[in-house]
C-alpha atoms as a PDB file:
ATOM      1  CA  UNK A   1      40.795 117.518  55.273  1.00  0.00           C
ATOM      2  CA  UNK A   2      44.407 116.594  54.299  1.00  0.00           C
ATOM      3  CA  UNK A   3      47.397 118.395  53.547  1.00  0.00           C
ATOM      4  CA  UNK A   4      50.635 117.830  51.732  1.00  0.00           C
ATOM      5  CA  UNK A   5      53.137 119.647  50.921  1.00  0.00           C
ATOM      6  CA  UNK A   6      55.955 118.894  48.220  1.00  0.00           C
ATOM      7  CA  UNK A   7      58.602 120.324  46.399  1.00  0.00           C
ATOM      8  CA  UNK A   8      61.376 119.310  43.352  1.00  0.00           C
ATOM      9  CA  UNK A   9      64.537 118.080  44.085  1.00  0.00           C
ATOM     10  CA  UNK A  10      66.468 121.903  43.660  1.00  0.00           C
ATOM     11  CA  UNK A  11      63.744 123.285  45.756  1.00  0.00           C
ATOM     12  CA  UNK A  12      62.297 126.208  43.490  1.00  0.00           C
ATOM     13  CA  UNK A  13      59.622 124.311  43.128  1.00  0.00           C
ATOM     14  CA  UNK A  14      56.854 124.188  46.853  1.00  0.00           C
ATOM     15  CA  UNK A  15      53.472 123.341  46.510  1.00  0.00           C
ATOM     16  CA  UNK A  16      50.747 122.090  48.746  1.00  0.00           C
ATOM     17  CA  UNK A  17      48.236 119.553  48.318  1.00  0.00           C
ATOM     18  CA  UNK A  18      44.772 119.891  50.082  1.00  0.00           C
ATOM     19  CA  UNK A  19      42.236 117.372  49.946  1.00  0.00           C
ATOM     20  CA  UNK A  20      41.990 113.688  49.300  1.00  0.00           C
ATOM     21  CA  UNK A  21      43.339 110.888  47.147  1.00  0.00           C
ATOM     22  CA  UNK A  22      41.146 108.395  45.405  1.00  0.00           C
ATOM     23  CA  UNK A  23      43.979 106.650  44.275  1.00  0.00           C
ATOM     24  CA  UNK A  24      46.958 105.736  44.149  1.00  0.00           C
ATOM     25  CA  UNK A  25      48.255 103.447  40.927  1.00  0.00           C
ATOM     26  CA  UNK A  26      51.742 101.890  40.094  1.00  0.00           C
ATOM     27  CA  UNK A  27      51.679 102.497  36.525  1.00  0.00           C
ATOM     28  CA  UNK A  28      53.888 100.342  34.179  1.00  0.00           C
ATOM     29  CA  UNK A  29      52.969 101.578  30.674  1.00  0.00           C
ATOM     30  CA  UNK A  30      55.861 101.575  28.696  1.00  0.00           C
ATOM     31  CA  UNK A  31      55.090 105.786  28.638  1.00  0.00           C
ATOM     32  CA  UNK A  32      55.632 105.850  32.437  1.00  0.00           C
ATOM     33  CA  UNK A  33      59.272 103.519  32.564  1.00  0.00           C
ATOM     34  CA  UNK A  34      60.926 105.889  29.519  1.00  0.00           C
ATOM     35  CA  UNK A  35      59.820 109.095  31.710  1.00  0.00           C
ATOM     36  CA  UNK A  36      60.641 107.863  35.650  1.00  0.00           C
ATOM     37  CA  UNK A  37      63.379 105.953  34.182  1.00  0.00           C
ATOM     38  CA  UNK A  38      62.185 103.152  36.648  1.00  0.00           C
ATOM     39  CA  UNK A  39      59.914  99.775  36.232  1.00  0.00           C
ATOM     40  CA  UNK A  40      56.939 102.651  36.965  1.00  0.00           C
ATOM     41  CA  UNK A  41      55.352 105.704  37.858  1.00  0.00           C
ATOM     42  CA  UNK A  42      53.661 105.809  41.595  1.00  0.00           C
ATOM     43  CA  UNK A  43      51.029 108.601  40.769  1.00  0.00           C
ATOM     44  CA  UNK A  44      48.233 109.413  43.364  1.00  0.00           C
ATOM     45  CA  UNK A  45      45.036 110.784  41.503  1.00  0.00           C
ATOM     46  CA  UNK A  46      42.235 113.268  43.252  1.00  0.00           C
ATOM     47  CA  UNK A  47      38.994 114.932  41.363  1.00  0.00           C
ATOM     48  CA  UNK A  48      38.813 117.309  44.164  1.00  0.00           C
ATOM     49  CA  UNK A  49      41.893 118.181  46.072  1.00  0.00           C
ATOM     50  CA  UNK A  50      43.116 121.578  45.469  1.00  0.00           C
ATOM     51  CA  UNK A  51      46.802 122.264  44.006  1.00  0.00           C
ATOM     52  CA  UNK A  52      48.889 125.568  45.429  1.00  0.00           C
ATOM     53  CA  UNK A  53      52.044 126.518  44.270  1.00  0.00           C
ATOM     54  CA  UNK A  54      53.808 128.205  46.944  1.00  0.00           C
ATOM     55  CA  UNK A  55      57.174 128.996  44.881  1.00  0.00           C
ATOM     56  CA  UNK A  56      58.391 127.667  41.818  1.00  0.00           C
ATOM     57  CA  UNK A  57      55.363 128.308  39.547  1.00  0.00           C
ATOM     58  CA  UNK A  58      57.447 130.213  37.088  1.00  0.00           C
ATOM     59  CA  UNK A  59      59.889 126.957  37.088  1.00  0.00           C
ATOM     60  CA  UNK A  60      57.409 123.895  35.851  1.00  0.00           C
ATOM     61  CA  UNK A  61      56.676 123.007  32.453  1.00  0.00           C
ATOM     62  CA  UNK A  62      54.926 119.916  31.175  1.00  0.00           C
ATOM     63  CA  UNK A  63      55.484 117.692  27.799  1.00  0.00           C
ATOM     64  CA  UNK A  64      52.047 115.473  26.508  1.00  0.00           C
ATOM     65  CA  UNK A  65      53.178 112.841  24.262  1.00  0.00           C
ATOM     66  CA  UNK A  66      52.040 113.903  20.827  1.00  0.00           C
ATOM     67  CA  UNK A  67      48.975 112.027  20.249  1.00  0.00           C
ATOM     68  CA  UNK A  68      47.781 110.573  23.891  1.00  0.00           C
ATOM     69  CA  UNK A  69      47.008 111.458  27.365  1.00  0.00           C
ATOM     70  CA  UNK A  70      50.117 111.022  28.389  1.00  0.00           C
ATOM     71  CA  UNK A  71      51.553 114.360  30.375  1.00  0.00           C
ATOM     72  CA  UNK A  72      54.366 114.875  32.821  1.00  0.00           C
ATOM     73  CA  UNK A  73      55.034 117.835  34.622  1.00  0.00           C
ATOM     74  CA  UNK A  74      58.283 118.545  35.756  1.00  0.00           C
ATOM     75  CA  UNK A  75      60.927 121.391  37.265  1.00  0.00           C
ATOM     76  CA  UNK A  76      62.331 122.856  34.296  1.00  0.00           C
ATOM     77  CA  UNK A  77      66.069 123.300  36.816  1.00  0.00           C
ATOM     78  CA  UNK A  78      66.351 119.979  38.270  1.00  0.00           C
ATOM     79  CA  UNK A  79      63.864 117.630  36.062  1.00  0.00           C
ATOM     80  CA  UNK A  80      62.041 116.524  39.072  1.00  0.00           C
ATOM     81  CA  UNK A  81      58.367 114.857  38.467  1.00  0.00           C
ATOM     82  CA  UNK A  82      55.368 117.578  39.883  1.00  0.00           C
ATOM     83  CA  UNK A  83      52.038 117.348  39.978  1.00  0.00           C
ATOM     84  CA  UNK A  84      49.939 117.816  36.888  1.00  0.00           C
ATOM     85  CA  UNK A  85      46.466 119.368  36.658  1.00  0.00           C
ATOM     86  CA  UNK A  86      46.667 119.038  32.006  1.00  0.00           C
ATOM     87  CA  UNK A  87      43.548 115.952  31.856  1.00  0.00           C
ATOM     88  CA  UNK A  88      40.665 118.544  33.089  1.00  0.00           C
ATOM     89  CA  UNK A  89      39.122 117.757  36.597  1.00  0.00           C
ATOM     90  CA  UNK A  90      42.141 115.629  37.031  1.00  0.00           C
ATOM     91  CA  UNK A  91      44.872 115.741  39.835  1.00  0.00           C
ATOM     92  CA  UNK A  92      47.822 113.299  39.278  1.00  0.00           C
ATOM     93  CA  UNK A  93      50.649 113.927  41.799  1.00  0.00           C
ATOM     94  CA  UNK A  94      54.097 111.422  41.787  1.00  0.00           C
ATOM     95  CA  UNK A  95      54.044 110.352  45.383  1.00  0.00           C
ATOM     96  CA  UNK A  96      57.867 110.923  45.570  1.00  0.00           C
ATOM     97  CA  UNK A  97      57.711 114.442  44.845  1.00  0.00           C
ATOM     98  CA  UNK A  98      55.776 115.087  49.012  1.00  0.00           C
ATOM     99  CA  UNK A  99      57.239 115.817  51.466  1.00  0.00           C
ATOM    100  CA  UNK A 100      54.545 115.029  53.891  1.00  0.00           C
ATOM    101  CA  UNK A 101      54.597 111.280  54.341  1.00  0.00           C
ATOM    102  CA  UNK A 102      51.624 109.189  52.732  1.00  0.00           C
ATOM    103  CA  UNK A 103      49.307 107.036  54.874  1.00  0.00           C
ATOM    104  CA  UNK A 104      47.728 105.578  51.820  1.00  0.00           C
ATOM    105  CA  UNK A 105      48.977 102.177  50.316  1.00  0.00           C
ATOM    106  CA  UNK A 106      48.465 101.918  46.179  1.00  0.00           C
ATOM    107  CA  UNK A 107      45.038 100.896  44.993  1.00  0.00           C
ATOM    108  CA  UNK A 108      46.902  98.812  41.905  1.00  0.00           C
ATOM    109  CA  UNK A 109      49.220  98.296  39.718  1.00  0.00           C
ATOM    110  CA  UNK A 110      47.723  99.455  36.222  1.00  0.00           C
ATOM    111  CA  UNK A 111      49.296  98.318  32.634  1.00  0.00           C
ATOM    112  CA  UNK A 112      50.925  95.412  34.005  1.00  0.00           C
ATOM    113  CA  UNK A 113      51.110  94.029  30.630  1.00  0.00           C
ATOM    114  CA  UNK A 114      53.394  96.201  29.215  1.00  0.00           C
ATOM    115  CA  UNK A 115      55.687  95.305  33.178  1.00  0.00           C
ATOM    116  CA  UNK A 116      59.615  95.415  32.952  1.00  0.00           C
ATOM    117  CA  UNK A 117      60.804  91.615  32.624  1.00  0.00           C
ATOM    118  CA  UNK A 118      63.140  92.805  35.615  1.00  0.00           C
ATOM    119  CA  UNK A 119      60.413  93.386  37.392  1.00  0.00           C
ATOM    120  CA  UNK A 120      60.468  90.541  39.441  1.00  0.00           C
ATOM    121  CA  UNK A 121      60.319  89.227  43.279  1.00  0.00           C
ATOM    122  CA  UNK A 122      61.887  92.991  44.096  1.00  0.00           C
ATOM    123  CA  UNK A 123      61.448  91.921  47.857  1.00  0.00           C
ATOM    124  CA  UNK A 124      64.057  89.326  47.720  1.00  0.00           C
ATOM    125  CA  UNK A 125      66.602  90.997  47.118  1.00  0.00           C
ATOM    126  CA  UNK A 126      69.277  92.344  49.016  1.00  0.00           C
ATOM    127  CA  UNK A 127      68.275  95.691  51.252  1.00  0.00           C
ATOM    128  CA  UNK A 128      71.314  97.840  52.526  1.00  0.00           C
ATOM    129  CA  UNK A 129      70.440 101.013  54.212  1.00  0.00           C
ATOM    130  CA  UNK A 130      72.856 103.490  51.904  1.00  0.00           C
ATOM    131  CA  UNK A 131      75.210 102.649  49.244  1.00  0.00           C
ATOM    132  CA  UNK A 132      77.215  99.415  49.743  1.00  0.00           C
ATOM    133  CA  UNK A 133      80.683  99.148  49.571  1.00  0.00           C
END
């Protein structure tokens, strides 16, 4: 059984996920673009894994977009995306909040019809190890 550890940016919230992820989706819907500020959200999904909050559970809050199933859990202090269980029987974990390395490759791009116009051939761009001069 796998164990994954994660935290928020400010370190207030720390958690553990025990179990396996069934899927890893890169979601290009407009909602995910808005709540991440990026081209897509990278989320891991599990119907069986267990989420344990080690610290800062009182700093976790959630927002559900009215009239949709779109939900985001985040740290009240730093705004970091965090795991959520707002959909019954489903744990959704933003890949970037994990401190444990993920060996699973993304399963698929979803809502690709909403893909950002600038999200094309990004692998062809120059690459820098840090902030360019």
